[in-house]
Amino acid sequence: MPIIDSPRNARIGAALTLRDRGPRMAEARTLVDGGREARRAIEAGVVVDAAFVCPGLVRGEDAEAAVRMLSGGTTPVYEVSERVHDRLAFGNRGDGLVLVIQTPSTDLDALHVGPDPLLLVTEDVEKPGNLGAILRTADGAGCDAVIAIGGTDVFNPNVVRASVGTVFTVPIATTTAAVALAWLRGHGLRIVTARVDAPTPYASADLTGSVALLLGSESDGLSATWHDSRMEGVVIPMSGIADSLNVAATAAVLAFEARRQRDARR
């Protein structure tokens, strides 16, 4: 197959439309940019519709392994020039590999958690980098799942990138606030909300057992759905002039405190 050297090629044009949310959601497909992310998607069993490879740029163990896993399979692999690769890739990635994948299901009803689960629940997190970092935290802290309410779509290519591919391995569901609340209560999870006006310092709260940690948007915090006296609010004390941390940093502090408490109790 000849090398694709024109960004106007129909296959390249179709892939580029997936940079926009509308086509991503309508087609249930997205782009995966980078060797590490591609390898993790493939190893997680994600369906790959097409792979665009620039052989001269493929370097590093992850990128080389991803190309090997695709070679000889049923996935169409298209060789592209460096300029076409640069149009498909995000930022200055030099891994020489971009995938078009079918986005995995994010159906809340299909989410299964074991005993005493620890969940991160986000509401209206708009910045893909923040959601990706939260997924990376969930992976590192051993959270059982992430539930995303509103905000950016979870398979935004920049979420995939910021999560370093953990979006394919951490169980994740998307839903509305009302449905999430009913699901959490139906599964017996205590709801702990992160709020700047909460009375309890996070380190003083019991984060063991079945717990869902609620994190609001960067600008508005949590909606009225989560302002309930039956929910425990926690705060991260701040010593400077800022009243709160970035939402991804907040998720990391709370998730690893929960992990510390759980490990200590065991």
Protein backbone atom coordinates (compact mmCIF):
# COMPACT_ATOMS: atom_id res chain seq x y z
CA MET A 1 0.00 0.00 0.00
CA PRO A 2 1.47 3.41 -0.95
CA ILE A 3 2.45 5.85 1.77
CA ILE A 4 -0.28 8.39 2.50
CA ASP A 5 1.40 11.74 2.01
CA SER A 6 -1.55 14.13 1.77
CA PRO A 7 -3.56 15.45 4.73
CA ARG A 8 -6.45 15.69 2.25
CA ASN A 9 -6.61 11.92 1.91
CA ALA A 10 -10.16 10.71 2.71
CA ARG A 11 -9.01 8.36 5.48
CA ILE A 12 -6.96 11.10 7.11
CA GLY A 13 -9.85 13.55 6.81
CA ALA A 14 -12.23 11.09 8.46
CA ALA A 15 -9.79 10.56 11.32
CA LEU A 16 -9.27 14.30 11.79
CA THR A 17 -13.01 14.85 12.31
CA LEU A 18 -12.63 12.89 15.56
CA ARG A 19 -10.82 15.83 17.07
CA ASP A 20 -14.31 17.33 17.51
CA ARG A 21 -16.72 16.14 20.18
CA GLY A 22 -19.75 15.90 17.90
CA PRO A 23 -18.31 13.29 15.52
CA ARG A 24 -16.68 11.43 18.43
CA MET A 25 -20.00 11.04 20.20
CA ALA A 26 -22.00 10.31 17.04
CA GLU A 27 -19.58 7.64 15.79
CA ALA A 28 -18.50 6.31 19.23
CA ARG A 29 -14.90 6.52 18.03
CA THR A 30 -11.86 8.54 19.03
CA LEU A 31 -8.14 9.04 18.41
CA VAL A 32 -5.35 7.56 20.49
CA ASP A 33 -2.04 9.36 20.09
CA GLY A 34 1.24 7.97 21.40
CA GLY A 35 2.96 4.66 21.90
CA ARG A 36 2.22 4.14 25.58
CA GLU A 37 -1.45 5.03 25.20
CA ALA A 38 -1.81 2.89 22.06
CA ARG A 39 -0.18 -0.11 23.73
CA ARG A 40 -2.46 0.15 26.75
CA ALA A 41 -5.55 0.46 24.56
CA ILE A 42 -4.59 -2.63 22.57
CA GLU A 43 -3.71 -4.64 25.68
CA ALA A 44 -7.05 -3.66 27.22
CA GLY A 45 -8.83 -5.21 24.25
CA VAL A 46 -10.13 -1.98 22.72
CA VAL A 47 -11.35 -2.41 19.14
CA VAL A 48 -8.97 -0.62 16.76
CA ASP A 49 -10.58 0.47 13.48
CA ALA A 50 -7.41 1.83 11.88
CA ALA A 51 -3.78 2.57 12.66
CA PHE A 52 -1.66 5.27 11.03
CA VAL A 53 2.07 4.59 11.34
CA CYS A 54 5.03 6.71 10.36
CA PRO A 55 7.88 4.14 10.48
CA GLY A 56 10.64 6.72 10.71
CA LEU A 57 9.12 8.12 13.90
CA VAL A 58 8.30 4.84 15.67
CA ARG A 59 10.66 4.66 18.60
CA GLY A 60 10.50 3.47 22.14
CA GLU A 61 9.43 0.15 23.60
CA ASP A 62 5.72 0.98 23.82
CA ALA A 63 5.34 2.27 20.27
CA GLU A 64 7.30 -0.63 18.83
CA ALA A 65 5.27 -3.14 20.85
CA ALA A 66 1.99 -1.55 19.72
CA VAL A 67 3.02 -1.77 16.06
CA ARG A 68 4.02 -5.41 16.50
CA MET A 69 0.67 -6.25 18.09
CA LEU A 70 -1.15 -4.68 15.15
CA SER A 71 0.99 -6.29 12.46
CA GLY A 72 -0.52 -9.38 10.88
CA GLY A 73 -3.90 -8.79 12.50
CA THR A 74 -7.20 -7.65 11.04
CA THR A 75 -6.71 -3.95 11.81
CA PRO A 76 -5.92 -1.87 8.71
CA VAL A 77 -2.48 -0.32 9.17
CA TYR A 78 -1.72 2.67 6.94
CA GLU A 79 1.80 4.00 6.47
CA VAL A 80 1.86 7.79 6.53
CA SER A 81 4.45 10.46 5.92
CA GLU A 82 5.82 12.60 8.71
CA ARG A 83 3.72 15.60 7.70
CA VAL A 84 0.53 13.54 7.76
CA HIS A 85 1.49 12.06 11.11
CA ASP A 86 2.04 15.57 12.47
CA ARG A 87 -1.49 16.55 11.40
CA LEU A 88 -3.00 13.54 13.18
CA ALA A 89 -0.90 13.68 16.35
CA PHE A 90 -1.51 16.02 19.25
CA GLY A 91 1.24 18.35 20.38
CA ASN A 92 4.82 17.32 19.77
CA ARG A 93 4.35 13.59 20.12
CA GLY A 94 7.04 11.72 18.25
CA ASP A 95 5.92 8.13 18.69
CA GLY A 96 4.89 7.73 15.06
CA LEU A 97 1.56 6.05 15.81
CA VAL A 98 -2.06 7.23 15.93
CA LEU A 99 -5.03 4.87 16.32
CA VAL A 100 -8.70 5.24 15.52
CA ILE A 101 -10.58 3.17 18.10
CA GLN A 102 -14.14 2.34 19.05
CA THR A 103 -14.83 3.92 22.42
CA PRO A 104 -15.62 1.39 25.15
CA SER A 105 -19.01 1.43 26.86
CA THR A 106 -19.49 3.80 29.79
CA ASP A 107 -22.86 2.41 30.86
CA LEU A 108 -23.34 2.87 34.60
CA ASP A 109 -25.50 -0.25 34.85
CA ALA A 110 -22.57 -2.30 33.58
CA LEU A 111 -20.28 -1.00 36.33
CA HIS A 112 -19.52 -3.69 38.92
CA VAL A 113 -17.60 -2.95 42.10
CA GLY A 114 -16.52 -5.33 44.81
CA PRO A 115 -16.84 -5.07 48.60
CA ASP A 116 -15.87 -1.78 50.28
CA PRO A 117 -15.24 0.03 46.99
CA LEU A 118 -13.52 3.39 46.66
CA LEU A 119 -14.92 5.53 43.83
CA LEU A 120 -14.09 8.93 42.45
CA VAL A 121 -17.08 10.85 41.09
CA THR A 122 -16.57 14.01 39.05
CA GLU A 123 -19.19 16.57 38.11
CA ASP A 124 -18.83 18.98 35.18
CA VAL A 125 -15.04 18.74 34.92
CA GLU A 126 -14.51 20.56 31.63
CA LYS A 127 -10.74 20.43 31.17
CA PRO A 128 -9.60 17.16 29.56
CA GLY A 129 -6.23 17.40 31.28
CA ASN A 130 -7.90 17.42 34.69
CA LEU A 131 -10.13 14.43 33.94
CA GLY A 132 -7.16 12.53 32.53
CA ALA A 133 -5.12 13.29 35.65
CA ILE A 134 -8.01 12.11 37.85
CA LEU A 135 -8.08 8.80 35.96
CA ARG A 136 -4.35 8.47 36.47
CA THR A 137 -4.87 9.09 40.19
CA ALA A 138 -7.65 6.48 40.30
CA ASP A 139 -5.26 3.98 38.76
CA GLY A 140 -2.41 4.84 41.11
CA ALA A 141 -4.50 4.90 44.29
CA GLY A 142 -6.29 1.67 43.45
CA CYS A 143 -9.75 3.20 43.12
CA ASP A 144 -12.40 0.76 41.95
CA ALA A 145 -14.04 3.06 39.40
CA VAL A 146 -14.61 6.62 38.22
CA ILE A 147 -18.07 8.03 37.49
CA ALA A 148 -18.08 11.17 35.33
CA ILE A 149 -21.14 13.43 35.39
CA GLY A 150 -21.26 15.96 32.55
CA GLY A 151 -18.13 17.88 31.60
CA THR A 152 -15.74 16.82 28.86
CA ASP A 153 -16.30 13.51 27.10
CA VAL A 154 -14.19 10.84 28.75
CA PHE A 155 -12.61 9.68 25.48
CA ASN A 156 -11.50 13.13 24.36
CA PRO A 157 -8.03 12.47 22.86
CA ASN A 158 -6.53 14.84 25.41
CA VAL A 159 -8.15 12.86 28.25
CA VAL A 160 -6.59 9.71 26.79
CA ARG A 161 -3.23 11.44 26.69
CA ALA A 162 -3.41 13.01 30.15
CA SER A 163 -4.48 9.67 31.62
CA VAL A 164 -1.45 7.98 29.95
CA GLY A 165 -3.85 5.30 28.75
CA THR A 166 -5.37 4.47 32.15
CA VAL A 167 -8.74 5.52 30.73
CA PHE A 168 -8.73 2.04 29.14
CA THR A 169 -8.00 0.16 32.36
CA VAL A 170 -9.86 2.05 35.12
CA PRO A 171 -13.59 1.14 35.11
CA ILE A 172 -15.44 4.31 34.11
CA ALA A 173 -19.08 5.25 33.68
CA THR A 174 -20.88 8.41 32.58
CA THR A 175 -24.32 9.51 33.72
CA THR A 176 -26.38 12.36 35.20
CA ALA A 177 -26.19 13.60 38.77
CA ALA A 178 -29.62 12.24 39.70
CA VAL A 179 -28.91 8.79 38.31
CA ALA A 180 -25.46 8.70 39.93
CA LEU A 181 -26.95 9.62 43.31
CA ALA A 182 -29.55 6.86 43.07
CA TRP A 183 -26.89 4.34 41.99
CA LEU A 184 -24.52 5.25 44.82
CA ARG A 185 -27.24 5.00 47.44
CA GLY A 186 -28.55 1.78 45.90
CA HIS A 187 -25.08 0.26 46.22
CA GLY A 188 -24.66 1.40 49.82
CA LEU A 189 -21.81 3.87 49.30
CA ARG A 190 -21.19 6.70 51.75
CA ILE A 191 -20.91 9.96 49.87
CA VAL A 192 -18.09 12.31 50.85
CA THR A 193 -18.08 15.68 49.12
CA ALA A 194 -15.09 17.97 48.64
CA ARG A 195 -16.21 21.50 49.53
CA VAL A 196 -14.32 24.63 50.51
CA ASP A 197 -16.91 25.38 53.22
CA ALA A 198 -16.96 21.90 54.74
CA PRO A 199 -16.37 21.62 58.51
CA THR A 200 -14.21 18.48 58.51
CA PRO A 201 -10.53 18.40 57.46
CA TYR A 202 -10.03 15.57 54.99
CA ALA A 203 -7.51 13.75 57.18
CA SER A 204 -10.01 13.63 60.05
CA ALA A 205 -12.72 11.95 57.97
CA ASP A 206 -13.20 8.19 57.83
CA LEU A 207 -12.50 7.25 54.22
CA THR A 208 -12.56 3.49 54.75
CA GLY A 209 -15.38 1.14 53.76
CA SER A 210 -17.68 1.81 50.81
CA VAL A 211 -16.99 5.43 49.86
CA ALA A 212 -17.59 7.70 46.89
CA LEU A 213 -15.47 10.88 46.79
CA LEU A 214 -17.36 13.69 45.02
CA LEU A 215 -15.44 16.38 43.13
CA GLY A 216 -17.09 19.40 41.52
CA SER A 217 -16.24 21.58 38.57
CA GLU A 218 -13.25 23.89 38.52
CA SER A 219 -15.43 27.01 38.53
CA ASP A 220 -18.69 26.18 40.32
CA GLY A 221 -17.98 23.25 42.62
CA LEU A 222 -20.71 20.68 43.21
CA SER A 223 -24.32 21.20 42.17
CA ALA A 224 -27.30 21.26 44.55
CA THR A 225 -27.75 17.50 44.10
CA TRP A 226 -24.83 16.97 46.45
CA HIS A 227 -25.80 19.54 49.12
CA ASP A 228 -27.41 17.06 51.47
CA SER A 229 -27.02 16.81 55.23
CA ARG A 230 -26.66 13.04 54.91
CA MET A 231 -23.43 13.53 52.98
CA GLU A 232 -20.19 14.31 54.78
CA GLY A 233 -18.31 17.31 53.49
CA VAL A 234 -14.53 17.50 53.77
CA VAL A 235 -12.09 20.30 53.13
CA ILE A 236 -8.38 20.42 52.34
CA PRO A 237 -7.03 23.18 54.62
CA MET A 238 -5.18 25.86 52.67
CA SER A 239 -2.39 27.99 54.16
CA GLY A 240 -2.07 30.56 51.36
CA ILE A 241 -4.41 33.02 49.66
CA ALA A 242 -6.06 30.42 47.39
CA ASP A 243 -9.17 28.79 48.85
CA SER A 244 -8.84 25.45 47.04
CA LEU A 245 -6.66 23.19 44.94
CA ASN A 246 -7.10 22.32 41.30
CA VAL A 247 -9.73 19.56 41.00
CA ALA A 248 -7.18 16.99 39.84
CA ALA A 249 -4.88 17.82 42.77
CA THR A 250 -7.85 17.56 45.15
CA ALA A 251 -8.69 14.13 43.75
CA ALA A 252 -5.11 12.99 44.32
CA VAL A 253 -5.00 14.22 47.93
CA LEU A 254 -8.32 12.59 48.85
CA ALA A 255 -7.77 9.34 46.97
CA PHE A 256 -4.34 8.70 48.44
CA GLU A 257 -5.53 9.63 51.93
CA ALA A 258 -8.30 7.06 51.49
CA ARG A 259 -5.74 4.52 50.33
CA ARG A 260 -3.49 5.32 53.33
CA GLN A 261 -6.36 4.80 55.77
CA ARG A 262 -7.42 1.56 54.12
CA ASP A 263 -3.90 0.16 54.11
CA ALA A 264 -3.43 1.16 57.76
CA ARG A 265 -6.66 -0.52 58.79
CA ARG A 266 -5.66 -3.74 57.02
